[in-house]
Amino acid sequence: MHNLTWTCHVCGRERPDERISVESRQVMRGTVMFTENVRYCNDRAECIEKAKVYSHLTEGEKESQ
């Protein structure tokens, strides 16, 4: 049996499945609505807080919204 691991989008650490959570939010870009999912360490306060504002969009992509 393989242990499932994920990489935290916030800190970049590879973590076991039970130590990763996902922050999901609806994002509007132009006229398109999509869901942005951010994986974060659920046992690190810093990752939990930063996941609330982390975005995969670049600054240029955010500005074109």
C-alpha atoms as a PDB file:
ATOM      1  CA  MET A   1       0.000   0.000   0.000  1.00  0.00           C
ATOM      2  CA  HIS A   2       1.301   3.466  -0.913  1.00  0.00           C
ATOM      3  CA  ASN A   3       0.990   6.453   1.373  1.00  0.00           C
ATOM      4  CA  LEU A   4      -0.622   9.370  -0.408  1.00  0.00           C
ATOM      5  CA  THR A   5       1.291  12.657  -0.146  1.00  0.00           C
ATOM      6  CA  TRP A   6       0.612  16.167  -1.403  1.00  0.00           C
ATOM      7  CA  THR A   7       2.673  19.315  -1.772  1.00  0.00           C
ATOM      8  CA  CYS A   8       1.536  22.356   0.196  1.00  0.00           C
ATOM      9  CA  HIS A   9       0.956  25.261  -2.201  1.00  0.00           C
ATOM     10  CA  VAL A  10       1.893  27.727   0.555  1.00  0.00           C
ATOM     11  CA  CYS A  11       5.213  26.378   1.913  1.00  0.00           C
ATOM     12  CA  GLY A  12       6.115  23.814  -0.752  1.00  0.00           C
ATOM     13  CA  ARG A  13       6.603  20.914   1.674  1.00  0.00           C
ATOM     14  CA  GLU A  14       5.484  17.407   0.730  1.00  0.00           C
ATOM     15  CA  ARG A  15       3.066  16.200   3.414  1.00  0.00           C
ATOM     16  CA  PRO A  16       0.995  13.076   4.134  1.00  0.00           C
ATOM     17  CA  ASP A  17      -2.666  13.206   3.124  1.00  0.00           C
ATOM     18  CA  GLU A  18      -3.943  13.663   6.700  1.00  0.00           C
ATOM     19  CA  ARG A  19      -1.783  16.809   7.131  1.00  0.00           C
ATOM     20  CA  ILE A  20      -3.131  18.571   4.016  1.00  0.00           C
ATOM     21  CA  SER A  21      -6.394  20.496   3.703  1.00  0.00           C
ATOM     22  CA  VAL A  22      -7.828  22.483   0.806  1.00  0.00           C
ATOM     23  CA  GLU A  23      -9.076  26.072   0.787  1.00  0.00           C
ATOM     24  CA  SER A  24     -11.605  26.400  -2.078  1.00  0.00           C
ATOM     25  CA  ARG A  25     -13.046  29.680  -3.307  1.00  0.00           C
ATOM     26  CA  GLN A  26     -14.949  30.962  -6.279  1.00  0.00           C
ATOM     27  CA  VAL A  27     -12.952  33.406  -8.414  1.00  0.00           C
ATOM     28  CA  MET A  28     -14.233  35.577 -11.241  1.00  0.00           C
ATOM     29  CA  ARG A  29     -11.830  36.351 -14.076  1.00  0.00           C
ATOM     30  CA  GLY A  30     -13.464  38.508 -16.705  1.00  0.00           C
ATOM     31  CA  THR A  31     -16.770  36.767 -17.334  1.00  0.00           C
ATOM     32  CA  VAL A  32     -15.589  33.311 -16.243  1.00  0.00           C
ATOM     33  CA  MET A  33     -16.226  31.955 -12.743  1.00  0.00           C
ATOM     34  CA  PHE A  34     -13.946  29.150 -11.554  1.00  0.00           C
ATOM     35  CA  THR A  35     -12.972  27.394  -8.359  1.00  0.00           C
ATOM     36  CA  GLU A  36      -9.448  27.954  -7.079  1.00  0.00           C
ATOM     37  CA  ASN A  37      -8.187  25.207  -4.754  1.00  0.00           C
ATOM     38  CA  VAL A  38      -5.206  25.844  -2.497  1.00  0.00           C
ATOM     39  CA  ARG A  39      -3.596  22.935  -0.649  1.00  0.00           C
ATOM     40  CA  TYR A  40      -2.098  23.813   2.738  1.00  0.00           C
ATOM     41  CA  CYS A  41      -0.592  22.179   5.827  1.00  0.00           C
ATOM     42  CA  ASN A  42      -3.439  21.857   8.330  1.00  0.00           C
ATOM     43  CA  ASP A  43      -1.025  21.576  11.270  1.00  0.00           C
ATOM     44  CA  ARG A  44       1.002  24.742  10.594  1.00  0.00           C
ATOM     45  CA  ALA A  45      -0.630  28.020  11.655  1.00  0.00           C
ATOM     46  CA  GLU A  46       1.380  29.989   9.084  1.00  0.00           C
ATOM     47  CA  CYS A  47       0.106  27.861   6.177  1.00  0.00           C
ATOM     48  CA  ILE A  48      -3.475  27.970   7.475  1.00  0.00           C
ATOM     49  CA  GLU A  49      -3.428  31.782   7.554  1.00  0.00           C
ATOM     50  CA  LYS A  50      -1.599  32.269   4.245  1.00  0.00           C
ATOM     51  CA  ALA A  51      -3.927  29.822   2.442  1.00  0.00           C
ATOM     52  CA  LYS A  52      -6.779  32.301   3.009  1.00  0.00           C
ATOM     53  CA  VAL A  53      -5.104  34.842   0.686  1.00  0.00           C
ATOM     54  CA  TYR A  54      -2.842  32.643  -1.492  1.00  0.00           C
ATOM     55  CA  SER A  55      -3.673  32.638  -5.201  1.00  0.00           C
ATOM     56  CA  HIS A  56      -2.337  30.697  -8.176  1.00  0.00           C
ATOM     57  CA  LEU A  57      -3.051  33.719 -10.389  1.00  0.00           C
ATOM     58  CA  THR A  58      -0.156  36.027 -11.201  1.00  0.00           C
ATOM     59  CA  GLU A  59      -0.472  39.727 -10.432  1.00  0.00           C
ATOM     60  CA  GLY A  60      -1.100  40.431 -14.132  1.00  0.00           C
ATOM     61  CA  GLU A  61      -3.898  37.868 -14.235  1.00  0.00           C
ATOM     62  CA  LYS A  62      -5.487  39.336 -11.089  1.00  0.00           C
ATOM     63  CA  GLU A  63      -5.401  42.857 -12.565  1.00  0.00           C
ATOM     64  CA  SER A  64      -7.178  41.750 -15.746  1.00  0.00           C
ATOM     65  CA  GLN A  65     -10.237  40.615 -13.775  1.00  0.00           C
END
